[in-house]
N, C-alpha and C. Protein backbone atom coordinates (compact mmCIF):
# COMPACT_ATOMS: atom_id res chain seq x y z
N MET A 1 0.89 -1.22 -0.18
CA MET A 1 0.02 -0.07 -0.02
C MET A 1 0.83 1.41 0.04
N SER A 2 0.56 2.50 -0.94
CA SER A 2 1.44 3.33 -1.02
C SER A 2 1.19 4.36 0.17
N THR A 3 2.28 5.32 0.49
CA THR A 3 1.98 6.21 1.53
C THR A 3 0.57 7.06 1.35
N ALA A 4 0.10 7.40 0.18
CA ALA A 4 -1.01 8.09 -0.09
C ALA A 4 -2.28 7.45 0.30
N LEU A 5 -2.00 6.13 -0.23
CA LEU A 5 -3.54 5.23 0.06
C LEU A 5 -3.42 5.06 1.66
N GLU A 6 -2.32 4.74 2.28
CA GLU A 6 -2.33 4.52 3.66
C GLU A 6 -2.73 5.46 4.48
N ALA A 7 -2.48 6.95 4.19
CA ALA A 7 -2.81 8.11 4.74
C ALA A 7 -4.44 8.16 4.50
N ALA A 8 -4.90 7.96 3.35
CA ALA A 8 -6.38 8.12 3.13
C ALA A 8 -7.15 7.19 4.00
N VAL A 9 -6.60 5.98 4.03
CA VAL A 9 -7.37 4.72 5.02
C VAL A 9 -7.39 5.31 6.21
N GLU A 10 -6.43 5.81 6.81
CA GLU A 10 -6.27 6.37 8.03
C GLU A 10 -7.03 7.45 8.29
N LEU A 11 -7.40 8.38 7.31
CA LEU A 11 -8.43 9.42 7.53
C LEU A 11 -10.07 8.65 7.56
N LEU A 12 -10.00 7.63 6.81
CA LEU A 12 -11.20 7.24 6.71
C LEU A 12 -11.49 6.44 8.06
N GLU A 13 -10.75 5.75 8.72
CA GLU A 13 -10.85 5.30 9.87
C GLU A 13 -11.41 6.25 11.09
N ARG A 14 -10.73 7.49 10.89
CA ARG A 14 -11.10 8.60 12.07
C ARG A 14 -12.48 9.21 11.46
N SER A 15 -12.86 8.99 10.40
CA SER A 15 -14.07 9.70 9.93
C SER A 15 -15.45 8.53 10.43
N LEU A 16 -14.94 7.40 10.28
CA LEU A 16 -15.96 6.33 10.91
C LEU A 16 -16.01 6.28 12.09
N ALA A 17 -14.85 6.52 12.98
CA ALA A 17 -14.87 6.64 14.62
C ALA A 17 -15.84 7.82 15.02
N TYR A 18 -15.75 9.01 14.23
CA TYR A 18 -16.49 10.23 14.49
C TYR A 18 -17.98 9.87 14.24
N THR A 19 -18.35 9.22 13.29
CA THR A 19 -19.81 9.10 12.90
C THR A 19 -20.48 7.94 13.66
N ARG A 20 -19.70 6.91 13.98
CA ARG A 20 -20.31 6.05 15.02
C ARG A 20 -20.62 6.67 16.14
N GLY A 21 -19.88 7.70 16.45
CA GLY A 21 -20.25 8.50 17.81
C GLY A 21 -21.57 9.32 17.72
N THR A 22 -21.91 9.90 16.61
CA THR A 22 -23.09 10.40 16.33
C THR A 22 -24.23 9.41 16.00
N LEU A 23 -23.94 8.17 15.53
CA LEU A 23 -25.07 7.35 15.46
C LEU A 23 -25.50 6.87 16.68
N ALA A 24 -24.58 6.97 17.80
CA ALA A 24 -25.04 6.38 18.78
C ALA A 24 -26.37 7.22 19.72
N GLU A 25 -26.51 8.44 19.07
CA GLU A 25 -27.66 9.21 19.77
C GLU A 25 -28.99 8.99 18.74
N VAL A 26 -29.00 8.14 17.71
CA VAL A 26 -30.15 7.59 16.91
C VAL A 26 -31.12 6.76 17.64
N GLY A 27 -32.26 7.06 17.69
CA GLY A 27 -33.37 6.13 18.14
C GLY A 27 -34.67 5.87 17.08
N PRO A 28 -35.27 4.89 17.09
CA PRO A 28 -36.41 4.80 16.22
C PRO A 28 -37.46 5.80 16.26
N GLU A 29 -37.57 6.62 17.36
CA GLU A 29 -38.52 7.54 17.52
C GLU A 29 -37.96 9.07 16.95
N LEU A 30 -36.77 8.93 16.30
CA LEU A 30 -36.22 10.18 15.55
C LEU A 30 -36.22 9.98 14.11
N MET A 31 -36.58 8.85 13.42
CA MET A 31 -36.62 8.76 12.07
C MET A 31 -37.17 9.94 11.26
N ASP A 32 -38.41 10.51 12.05
CA ASP A 32 -38.73 11.66 11.08
C ASP A 32 -38.21 12.96 11.26
N ARG A 33 -37.42 13.18 12.22
CA ARG A 33 -36.64 14.33 12.43
C ARG A 33 -36.26 14.88 10.96
N SER A 34 -36.27 16.29 11.01
CA SER A 34 -35.53 17.05 9.77
C SER A 34 -33.93 17.04 9.92
N THR A 35 -33.38 16.97 8.81
CA THR A 35 -31.66 17.28 8.94
C THR A 35 -31.44 18.44 8.10
N PRO A 36 -30.03 18.80 8.19
CA PRO A 36 -29.66 20.01 7.48
C PRO A 36 -29.93 19.95 5.84
N CYS A 37 -30.42 18.61 5.53
CA CYS A 37 -30.32 18.32 4.08
C CYS A 37 -32.03 18.69 3.63
N VAL A 38 -32.04 19.57 2.65
CA VAL A 38 -33.33 19.97 2.09
C VAL A 38 -34.30 18.75 1.95
N GLY A 39 -35.57 18.58 2.50
CA GLY A 39 -36.54 17.43 2.12
C GLY A 39 -35.99 15.97 2.65
N TRP A 40 -34.91 16.06 3.36
CA TRP A 40 -34.67 14.52 3.91
C TRP A 40 -34.65 14.59 5.38
N THR A 41 -35.58 13.57 5.87
CA THR A 41 -35.74 13.13 7.02
C THR A 41 -34.46 12.36 7.59
N LEU A 42 -34.32 11.97 9.03
CA LEU A 42 -33.26 11.39 9.41
C LEU A 42 -32.98 9.96 8.88
N GLY A 43 -34.28 9.16 8.76
CA GLY A 43 -34.37 8.12 8.12
C GLY A 43 -33.93 8.14 6.71
N HIS A 44 -34.32 9.16 5.86
CA HIS A 44 -34.08 9.24 4.53
C HIS A 44 -32.11 9.40 4.63
N LEU A 45 -31.62 10.18 5.57
CA LEU A 45 -30.32 10.38 5.35
C LEU A 45 -29.45 9.02 5.84
N LEU A 46 -30.22 8.37 6.68
CA LEU A 46 -29.45 7.00 6.96
C LEU A 46 -29.47 5.93 6.10
N ALA A 47 -30.59 5.99 5.33
CA ALA A 47 -30.57 4.98 4.02
C ALA A 47 -29.62 5.38 3.08
N HIS A 48 -29.39 6.85 2.89
CA HIS A 48 -28.63 7.47 1.83
C HIS A 48 -27.08 6.97 2.44
N MET A 49 -26.75 7.09 3.55
CA MET A 49 -25.25 6.68 4.12
C MET A 49 -25.13 5.32 3.88
N GLU A 50 -26.23 4.35 4.19
CA GLU A 50 -25.95 3.01 3.88
C GLU A 50 -25.72 2.66 2.41
N ASP A 51 -26.16 3.34 1.44
CA ASP A 51 -26.04 3.06 0.29
C ASP A 51 -24.47 3.72 -0.19
N ALA A 52 -24.27 4.71 0.28
CA ALA A 52 -22.94 5.19 0.16
C ALA A 52 -21.85 4.23 0.71
N LEU A 53 -21.95 3.45 1.72
CA LEU A 53 -20.94 2.64 2.33
C LEU A 53 -21.04 1.43 1.43
N ASP A 54 -21.95 0.95 0.95
CA ASP A 54 -22.24 0.02 -0.02
C ASP A 54 -21.14 0.26 -1.29
N ALA A 55 -21.47 1.55 -1.98
CA ALA A 55 -20.68 1.98 -3.05
C ALA A 55 -19.22 1.91 -2.88
N PHE A 56 -18.72 2.82 -1.65
CA PHE A 56 -17.44 2.77 -1.41
C PHE A 56 -16.78 1.68 -1.14
N THR A 57 -17.61 0.61 -0.49
CA THR A 57 -16.83 -0.77 -0.44
C THR A 57 -17.00 -1.53 -1.69
N GLU A 58 -17.66 -1.33 -2.59
CA GLU A 58 -17.89 -2.11 -3.83
C GLU A 58 -16.77 -1.72 -4.56
N ALA A 59 -16.30 -0.61 -4.58
CA ALA A 59 -14.84 0.15 -5.28
C ALA A 59 -13.73 -0.85 -4.82
N ALA A 60 -13.66 -1.35 -3.74
CA ALA A 60 -12.55 -2.13 -3.35
C ALA A 60 -12.70 -3.68 -3.46
N ALA A 61 -14.05 -4.19 -3.90
CA ALA A 61 -14.44 -5.50 -4.00
C ALA A 61 -13.79 -6.32 -4.94
N GLY A 62 -13.31 -5.71 -5.94
CA GLY A 62 -12.68 -6.58 -7.03
C GLY A 62 -11.10 -6.79 -6.69
N ARG A 63 -10.79 -6.33 -5.69
CA ARG A 63 -9.35 -6.60 -5.34
C ARG A 63 -9.08 -7.22 -4.04
N VAL A 64 -10.03 -7.21 -3.11
CA VAL A 64 -10.19 -8.05 -1.63
C VAL A 64 -11.45 -8.74 -1.45
N ARG A 65 -11.35 -9.50 -0.58
CA ARG A 65 -12.56 -10.48 -0.41
C ARG A 65 -13.22 -9.70 0.73
N VAL A 66 -14.51 -9.33 0.25
CA VAL A 66 -15.46 -8.39 1.01
C VAL A 66 -16.47 -9.48 1.93
N GLU A 67 -16.48 -9.61 3.27
CA GLU A 67 -17.33 -10.23 3.86
C GLU A 67 -18.55 -9.62 3.69
N ALA A 68 -19.71 -10.67 3.77
CA ALA A 68 -21.05 -10.45 4.01
C ALA A 68 -21.44 -9.73 5.37
N VAL A 69 -22.33 -8.90 5.09
CA VAL A 69 -22.70 -7.96 6.33
C VAL A 69 -23.64 -8.90 7.34
N PRO A 70 -23.38 -9.08 8.36
CA PRO A 70 -24.41 -9.90 9.27
C PRO A 70 -25.64 -9.55 9.31
N GLU A 71 -26.57 -10.33 9.30
CA GLU A 71 -27.98 -9.71 9.59
C GLU A 71 -28.28 -8.93 10.84
N THR A 72 -28.83 -7.63 10.56
CA THR A 72 -28.88 -6.70 11.51
C THR A 72 -30.49 -6.21 11.88
N HIS A 73 -30.79 -5.82 13.18
CA HIS A 73 -31.93 -5.43 13.32
C HIS A 73 -32.46 -3.88 12.96
N THR A 74 -31.51 -2.89 12.87
CA THR A 74 -32.08 -1.66 12.71
C THR A 74 -31.11 -1.21 11.58
N ARG A 75 -31.26 -0.21 11.20
CA ARG A 75 -30.51 0.52 10.07
C ARG A 75 -29.10 0.97 10.73
N VAL A 76 -29.07 1.53 11.92
CA VAL A 76 -27.92 1.79 12.57
C VAL A 76 -27.01 0.85 12.71
N ASP A 77 -27.61 -0.25 13.08
CA ASP A 77 -26.50 -1.71 13.26
C ASP A 77 -25.99 -1.94 11.97
N ALA A 78 -26.82 -1.83 10.86
CA ALA A 78 -26.28 -2.09 9.61
C ALA A 78 -25.12 -1.09 9.22
N LEU A 79 -25.50 0.00 9.53
CA LEU A 79 -24.34 0.96 9.25
C LEU A 79 -23.15 0.59 9.96
N ARG A 80 -23.02 0.43 11.02
CA ARG A 80 -22.02 0.02 11.99
C ARG A 80 -21.40 -1.23 11.28
N GLU A 81 -22.09 -2.28 10.96
CA GLU A 81 -21.31 -3.49 10.40
C GLU A 81 -20.95 -3.13 8.96
N LYS A 82 -21.28 -2.17 8.26
CA LYS A 82 -20.95 -1.89 6.86
C LYS A 82 -19.70 -0.93 6.88
N ALA A 83 -19.57 -0.07 7.93
CA ALA A 83 -18.48 0.69 8.35
C ALA A 83 -17.29 -0.30 8.38
N CYS A 84 -17.43 -1.15 9.19
CA CYS A 84 -16.28 -2.24 9.45
C CYS A 84 -15.96 -2.84 8.22
N VAL A 85 -16.87 -3.36 7.52
CA VAL A 85 -16.51 -3.91 6.28
C VAL A 85 -15.82 -3.04 5.25
N LEU A 86 -16.21 -1.79 5.33
CA LEU A 86 -15.45 -0.79 4.48
C LEU A 86 -14.13 -0.57 4.67
N LEU A 87 -13.99 -0.39 5.90
CA LEU A 87 -12.47 -0.08 6.47
C LEU A 87 -11.57 -1.18 6.28
N GLY A 88 -12.20 -2.62 6.76
CA GLY A 88 -11.16 -3.79 6.26
C GLY A 88 -11.04 -3.83 4.70
N ALA A 89 -12.04 -3.31 4.18
CA ALA A 89 -11.70 -3.72 2.56
C ALA A 89 -10.62 -2.79 2.05
N TRP A 90 -10.51 -1.49 2.55
CA TRP A 90 -9.39 -0.70 1.90
C TRP A 90 -8.22 -0.84 2.75
N ALA A 91 -8.41 -1.32 3.99
CA ALA A 91 -6.94 -1.35 4.79
C ALA A 91 -6.22 -2.92 4.28
N ALA A 92 -7.12 -3.83 3.44
CA ALA A 92 -6.41 -4.72 2.89
C ALA A 92 -6.02 -4.68 1.40
N VAL A 93 -6.51 -3.64 0.83
CA VAL A 93 -6.42 -3.57 -0.82
C VAL A 93 -4.79 -3.26 -1.02
N HIS A 94 -4.40 -3.89 -2.07
CA HIS A 94 -3.34 -3.43 -2.73
C HIS A 94 -3.30 -3.45 -4.35
N PRO A 95 -3.99 -2.25 -4.67
CA PRO A 95 -4.11 -2.32 -6.22
C PRO A 95 -2.59 -1.97 -6.85
N PRO A 96 -2.35 -2.65 -7.86
CA PRO A 96 -1.00 -2.24 -8.44
C PRO A 96 -0.93 -0.95 -9.02
N SER A 97 -1.96 -0.47 -9.84
CA SER A 97 -2.02 0.86 -10.26
C SER A 97 -2.65 1.96 -9.21
N GLU A 98 -3.21 1.47 -8.25
CA GLU A 98 -3.97 2.25 -7.41
C GLU A 98 -5.01 3.38 -8.07
N GLU A 99 -5.80 2.66 -8.84
CA GLU A 99 -6.71 3.25 -9.59
C GLU A 99 -8.11 2.59 -9.58
N VAL A 100 -9.09 3.11 -9.31
CA VAL A 100 -10.45 2.39 -9.30
C VAL A 100 -11.34 2.69 -10.41
N ALA A 101 -12.04 1.60 -11.20
CA ALA A 101 -12.69 1.82 -12.21
C ALA A 101 -14.12 2.29 -11.71
N ILE A 102 -14.74 3.49 -12.17
CA ILE A 102 -16.09 3.66 -11.78
C ILE A 102 -16.81 3.96 -13.00
N GLY A 103 -17.56 3.07 -13.60
CA GLY A 103 -17.84 3.25 -14.88
C GLY A 103 -16.80 3.28 -16.13
N ASP A 104 -16.78 4.41 -16.81
CA ASP A 104 -15.73 4.35 -17.76
C ASP A 104 -14.43 5.23 -17.24
N VAL A 105 -14.69 5.74 -16.01
CA VAL A 105 -13.67 6.71 -15.36
C VAL A 105 -12.84 6.21 -14.42
N GLY A 106 -11.53 6.09 -14.43
CA GLY A 106 -10.57 5.91 -13.48
C GLY A 106 -10.37 6.82 -12.42
N LEU A 107 -10.26 6.39 -11.23
CA LEU A 107 -10.20 7.36 -10.13
C LEU A 107 -8.74 6.91 -9.31
N GLU A 108 -8.00 7.73 -8.79
CA GLU A 108 -6.95 7.41 -7.85
C GLU A 108 -7.55 6.66 -6.75
N ALA A 109 -7.30 5.72 -6.26
CA ALA A 109 -7.98 5.05 -5.02
C ALA A 109 -7.83 5.99 -3.84
N PRO A 110 -6.46 6.44 -3.58
CA PRO A 110 -6.36 7.54 -2.17
C PRO A 110 -7.42 8.63 -2.40
N LEU A 111 -7.70 9.34 -3.66
CA LEU A 111 -8.81 10.33 -3.70
C LEU A 111 -10.22 9.54 -3.49
N LEU A 112 -10.57 8.54 -3.84
CA LEU A 112 -11.59 7.86 -3.65
C LEU A 112 -11.87 7.47 -2.14
N VAL A 113 -10.71 7.08 -1.26
CA VAL A 113 -11.01 6.65 -0.24
C VAL A 113 -11.17 8.15 0.73
N ALA A 114 -10.30 9.01 0.39
CA ALA A 114 -10.41 10.43 1.31
C ALA A 114 -11.78 11.06 1.07
N THR A 115 -12.40 10.73 -0.59
CA THR A 115 -13.81 11.10 -0.67
C THR A 115 -14.75 10.54 0.25
N ALA A 116 -14.68 9.23 0.50
CA ALA A 116 -15.50 8.44 1.47
C ALA A 116 -15.52 9.17 2.65
N ALA A 117 -14.20 9.43 3.22
CA ALA A 117 -13.95 10.03 4.61
C ALA A 117 -14.65 11.34 4.57
N LEU A 118 -14.70 11.96 3.68
CA LEU A 118 -15.42 13.46 3.77
C LEU A 118 -17.03 13.29 3.79
N GLU A 119 -17.46 12.40 3.01
CA GLU A 119 -19.00 12.03 3.04
C GLU A 119 -19.37 11.46 4.09
N ILE A 120 -18.61 10.36 4.74
CA ILE A 120 -18.87 9.83 6.08
C ILE A 120 -18.88 10.96 7.18
N THR A 121 -17.90 11.79 7.31
CA THR A 121 -17.87 12.82 8.23
C THR A 121 -18.99 13.66 8.21
N VAL A 122 -19.07 14.39 7.11
CA VAL A 122 -20.11 15.34 6.83
C VAL A 122 -21.54 14.92 7.26
N HIS A 123 -21.77 13.69 6.77
CA HIS A 123 -23.15 13.16 7.20
C HIS A 123 -23.22 12.75 8.41
N GLY A 124 -22.01 12.43 8.84
CA GLY A 124 -22.32 12.10 10.55
C GLY A 124 -22.27 13.48 11.32
N TRP A 125 -22.01 14.46 10.89
CA TRP A 125 -22.34 15.76 11.41
C TRP A 125 -23.82 16.07 11.13
N ASP A 126 -24.26 16.03 9.86
CA ASP A 126 -25.76 15.85 9.58
C ASP A 126 -26.76 15.06 10.69
N VAL A 127 -26.20 13.68 11.02
CA VAL A 127 -26.98 13.19 12.02
C VAL A 127 -26.93 13.90 13.21
N GLY A 128 -25.90 14.40 13.62
CA GLY A 128 -25.76 14.80 14.86
C GLY A 128 -26.43 15.93 15.12
N GLN A 129 -27.05 16.94 14.10
CA GLN A 129 -27.62 18.03 13.94
C GLN A 129 -29.21 17.50 14.12
N ALA A 130 -29.60 16.44 13.71
CA ALA A 130 -30.76 15.93 13.67
C ALA A 130 -31.07 15.55 14.92
N THR A 131 -30.47 14.65 15.55
CA THR A 131 -30.81 14.10 16.96
C THR A 131 -30.31 15.03 18.06
N GLY A 132 -29.81 16.25 17.89
CA GLY A 132 -29.50 17.06 18.85
C GLY A 132 -28.54 16.90 19.62
N GLY A 133 -27.48 15.83 19.19
CA GLY A 133 -26.09 15.80 20.04
C GLY A 133 -25.23 16.80 19.43
N ARG A 134 -24.99 16.93 18.29
CA ARG A 134 -24.48 18.24 17.83
C ARG A 134 -22.92 18.04 18.15
N THR A 135 -22.39 16.77 17.89
CA THR A 135 -20.77 16.80 18.21
C THR A 135 -20.25 17.24 17.10
N ARG A 136 -19.14 18.21 17.55
CA ARG A 136 -18.30 18.86 16.56
C ARG A 136 -17.36 17.84 15.96
N ILE A 137 -17.05 18.15 14.69
CA ILE A 137 -15.88 17.38 14.07
C ILE A 137 -14.48 17.57 14.71
N PRO A 138 -13.85 16.56 15.15
CA PRO A 138 -12.65 16.61 15.55
C PRO A 138 -11.79 17.45 14.74
N ASP A 139 -11.01 18.49 15.34
CA ASP A 139 -10.11 19.69 14.65
C ASP A 139 -9.28 18.84 13.84
N ASP A 140 -8.59 17.88 14.26
CA ASP A 140 -7.30 17.18 13.25
C ASP A 140 -8.08 16.49 12.00
N LEU A 141 -9.27 15.86 12.34
CA LEU A 141 -10.18 15.27 11.22
C LEU A 141 -10.52 16.42 10.15
N ALA A 142 -11.09 17.21 10.66
CA ALA A 142 -11.48 18.57 9.83
C ALA A 142 -10.26 18.98 9.10
N ARG A 143 -9.47 19.29 9.54
CA ARG A 143 -8.11 19.77 8.95
C ARG A 143 -7.74 18.71 7.70
N GLY A 144 -7.65 17.53 7.99
CA GLY A 144 -7.43 16.47 7.06
C GLY A 144 -8.31 16.73 5.98
N LEU A 145 -9.67 16.70 5.94
CA LEU A 145 -10.68 16.73 5.43
C LEU A 145 -10.79 17.95 4.36
N LEU A 146 -10.24 19.23 4.99
CA LEU A 146 -10.61 20.46 4.37
C LEU A 146 -9.93 20.56 2.78
N PRO A 147 -8.58 19.95 2.75
CA PRO A 147 -8.23 19.87 1.09
C PRO A 147 -8.95 18.99 0.40
N VAL A 148 -9.33 18.15 0.98
CA VAL A 148 -10.06 16.99 0.13
C VAL A 148 -11.34 17.68 -0.20
N ALA A 149 -12.20 18.27 0.57
CA ALA A 149 -13.37 19.23 0.07
C ALA A 149 -13.08 20.29 -1.17
N HIS A 150 -11.96 20.87 -0.82
CA HIS A 150 -11.72 21.71 -1.97
C HIS A 150 -11.21 21.30 -3.31
N HIS A 151 -10.69 19.97 -3.20
CA HIS A 151 -10.41 19.37 -4.18
C HIS A 151 -11.81 18.66 -5.18
N VAL A 152 -12.58 18.09 -4.40
CA VAL A 152 -13.71 17.25 -5.23
C VAL A 152 -15.15 18.25 -5.23
N ILE A 153 -15.09 19.30 -4.76
CA ILE A 153 -16.31 19.81 -4.44
C ILE A 153 -16.14 21.25 -5.50
N GLY A 154 -16.62 21.29 -6.72
CA GLY A 154 -16.14 22.27 -7.60
C GLY A 154 -17.28 23.21 -7.78
N PRO A 155 -17.08 24.04 -8.84
CA PRO A 155 -18.31 25.21 -8.80
C PRO A 155 -19.55 24.66 -9.47
N LEU A 156 -19.38 23.47 -10.43
CA LEU A 156 -20.56 22.94 -10.96
C LEU A 156 -21.38 22.24 -9.98
N ASP A 157 -20.86 21.93 -8.93
CA ASP A 157 -21.63 21.21 -7.62
C ASP A 157 -22.37 21.92 -6.86
N ARG A 158 -22.20 23.05 -7.06
CA ARG A 158 -23.02 23.95 -6.39
C ARG A 158 -24.59 24.16 -6.93
N GLY A 159 -25.42 24.06 -6.12
CA GLY A 159 -26.74 24.19 -6.37
C GLY A 159 -27.52 22.76 -6.50
N PRO A 160 -27.15 22.06 -7.79
CA PRO A 160 -27.56 20.60 -7.59
C PRO A 160 -27.27 19.88 -6.48
N ARG A 161 -25.89 19.88 -5.89
CA ARG A 161 -25.68 18.90 -4.91
C ARG A 161 -25.07 19.28 -3.68
N PHE A 162 -24.66 20.78 -3.66
CA PHE A 162 -24.21 21.32 -2.49
C PHE A 162 -24.68 22.86 -2.44
N ALA A 163 -24.82 23.36 -1.42
CA ALA A 163 -25.25 24.80 -1.16
C ALA A 163 -23.97 25.64 -1.57
N CYS A 164 -24.15 27.00 -1.58
CA CYS A 164 -22.87 27.82 -1.81
C CYS A 164 -22.33 27.96 -0.64
N PRO A 165 -20.62 27.74 -0.58
CA PRO A 165 -19.89 28.01 0.51
C PRO A 165 -20.49 29.20 1.51
N ARG A 166 -20.24 29.05 2.76
CA ARG A 166 -20.87 30.10 3.74
C ARG A 166 -19.48 30.87 3.87
N PRO A 167 -19.57 32.04 4.40
CA PRO A 167 -18.41 32.99 4.74
C PRO A 167 -18.00 32.40 6.09
N VAL A 168 -16.93 32.41 6.33
CA VAL A 168 -16.15 32.28 7.61
C VAL A 168 -15.36 33.32 8.36
N ARG A 169 -15.40 33.32 9.52
CA ARG A 169 -14.44 34.21 10.25
C ARG A 169 -12.86 33.91 9.81
N PRO A 170 -11.93 34.79 10.11
CA PRO A 170 -10.76 34.62 9.72
C PRO A 170 -10.09 33.46 10.83
N GLU A 171 -10.80 33.72 12.04
CA GLU A 171 -10.07 32.96 13.16
C GLU A 171 -10.76 31.59 13.27
N ALA A 172 -11.73 31.35 12.08
CA ALA A 172 -12.57 30.09 12.26
C ALA A 172 -11.91 28.86 12.42
N SER A 173 -12.32 28.04 13.21
CA SER A 173 -11.75 26.49 13.21
C SER A 173 -11.93 25.68 11.95
N TYR A 174 -10.99 24.70 12.01
CA TYR A 174 -11.19 23.83 10.77
C TYR A 174 -12.33 23.13 10.63
N ASP A 175 -13.22 22.92 11.81
CA ASP A 175 -14.38 22.32 11.49
C ASP A 175 -15.36 23.12 11.02
N GLU A 176 -15.36 24.56 11.37
CA GLU A 176 -16.34 25.48 10.78
C GLU A 176 -15.91 25.60 9.39
N ARG A 177 -14.68 25.80 9.18
CA ARG A 177 -14.15 25.80 7.71
C ARG A 177 -14.68 24.81 6.75
N LEU A 178 -14.47 23.62 7.23
CA LEU A 178 -15.08 22.49 6.24
C LEU A 178 -16.51 22.49 6.41
N LEU A 179 -17.24 22.89 7.15
CA LEU A 179 -18.75 22.85 7.08
C LEU A 179 -19.25 23.92 6.17
N ALA A 180 -18.47 25.02 6.48
CA ALA A 180 -18.89 26.23 5.40
C ALA A 180 -18.46 25.86 3.90
N TRP A 181 -17.60 25.23 3.64
CA TRP A 181 -17.24 24.90 2.43
C TRP A 181 -18.14 23.92 1.80
N THR A 182 -19.01 23.11 2.66
CA THR A 182 -20.20 22.23 2.13
C THR A 182 -21.33 23.02 2.15
N GLY A 183 -21.24 24.04 2.36
CA GLY A 183 -22.68 24.63 2.72
C GLY A 183 -23.38 24.67 3.80
N ARG A 184 -22.53 24.13 4.81
CA ARG A 184 -23.26 23.72 6.22
C ARG A 184 -22.83 24.86 7.11
N GLY A 185 -23.32 25.09 8.18
CA GLY A 185 -23.24 26.09 9.25
C GLY A 185 -24.61 26.35 10.01
N ALA A 186 -24.46 27.28 11.08
CA ALA A 186 -25.36 27.65 12.05
C ALA A 186 -26.68 28.18 11.24
N ALA A 187 -26.44 28.69 10.04
CA ALA A 187 -27.38 29.24 9.14
C ALA A 187 -28.45 28.24 8.72
N HIS A 188 -28.04 26.84 8.77
CA HIS A 188 -28.79 25.82 7.89
C HIS A 188 -30.27 25.54 8.68
N LEU A 189 -30.28 26.26 9.78
CA LEU A 189 -31.62 26.13 10.27
C LEU A 189 -32.89 26.94 9.58
N THR A 190 -32.06 28.09 8.88
CA THR A 190 -33.03 28.91 8.12
C THR A 190 -33.00 28.76 6.46
N GLU A 191 -31.78 28.10 6.21
CA GLU A 191 -31.67 27.84 4.75
C GLU A 191 -31.32 26.52 4.55
N PRO A 192 -32.30 25.47 4.04
CA PRO A 192 -31.88 24.31 3.90
C PRO A 192 -30.74 24.01 2.68
N LEU A 193 -30.17 22.73 2.94
CA LEU A 193 -28.97 22.29 1.95
C LEU A 193 -29.48 21.55 0.97
N ARG A 194 -28.89 21.43 -0.15
CA ARG A 194 -29.00 20.26 -1.00
C ARG A 194 -27.77 19.30 -0.75
N CYS A 195 -28.31 17.94 -0.69
CA CYS A 195 -27.25 17.12 -0.28
C CYS A 195 -27.20 15.75 -1.14
N ASN A 196 -25.97 15.48 -1.42
CA ASN A 196 -25.66 14.21 -2.39
C ASN A 196 -24.49 13.57 -2.04
N HIS A 197 -23.91 12.61 -2.76
CA HIS A 197 -22.61 12.00 -2.57
C HIS A 197 -21.61 13.40 -2.86
N ALA A 198 -20.59 13.09 -1.95
CA ALA A 198 -19.58 14.23 -2.26
C ALA A 198 -18.63 13.46 -3.15
N GLU A 199 -18.89 13.17 -4.22
CA GLU A 199 -18.23 12.25 -5.25
C GLU A 199 -17.10 13.25 -5.99
N PRO A 200 -15.99 12.76 -6.41
CA PRO A 200 -14.93 13.37 -6.79
C PRO A 200 -15.38 14.21 -8.08
N ALA A 201 -14.95 15.52 -8.19
CA ALA A 201 -15.59 16.32 -9.23
C ALA A 201 -15.32 16.05 -10.60
N SER A 202 -14.29 15.10 -10.95
CA SER A 202 -13.89 14.75 -12.10
C SER A 202 -15.07 13.75 -12.65
N ARG A 203 -15.87 12.98 -11.67
CA ARG A 203 -16.81 12.23 -12.06
C ARG A 203 -18.07 13.13 -12.76
N GLU A 204 -18.12 14.36 -12.57
CA GLU A 204 -19.10 15.04 -13.21
C GLU A 204 -18.61 16.03 -14.30
N GLY A 205 -17.31 15.61 -14.87
CA GLY A 205 -16.74 16.38 -15.98
C GLY A 205 -16.00 17.51 -15.35
N VAL A 206 -15.89 17.60 -14.16
CA VAL A 206 -15.09 19.14 -13.57
C VAL A 206 -13.63 18.67 -13.27
N ALA A 207 -12.70 19.48 -13.63
CA ALA A 207 -11.17 19.18 -13.71
C ALA A 207 -10.94 19.21 -12.04
N PRO A 208 -10.43 18.13 -11.75
CA PRO A 208 -10.19 17.92 -10.28
C PRO A 208 -9.05 19.24 -9.59
């Protein structure tokens, strides 16, 4: 495994640890709660997160043996199990070219894994907003994800997939800067967000 992929997997591990913490606040009575994403309840968001975990794991499935997820009783249980499968898949992968084929597009594996870490973290934050836990993104995690967000969220992503970046104070923390770049922040309570996969901009035809 290259140094770049190893660093991306480590970032993914920290993102999963953060999001597991926000998921601990989820209960069945909260499924209809609104989230920062326009038109999405917490139940919709969790379903989207599960699909994303499947997609990011599938990207590694051709190079490692991915174990089946055990039967679970709730969506949160499924998310926890799939998070473990995702991390295990990428921790074991050794692609010779370190490139992942997505349709007709080849993406560098480190970028794909870092993008997974970004999506998982940001939606983990969304979950915390919906449950009321509001656990902040750790500063070191946000610092590692900020350049990833700048790289994969391009101008053409604004509107259909992400709200416009929000202004931040010069002394803003890394988590504030990260959330602002994805269109999130305290103002989300009055201005809903458009949410979707934080896919690499190159998949949308935008130069990375």
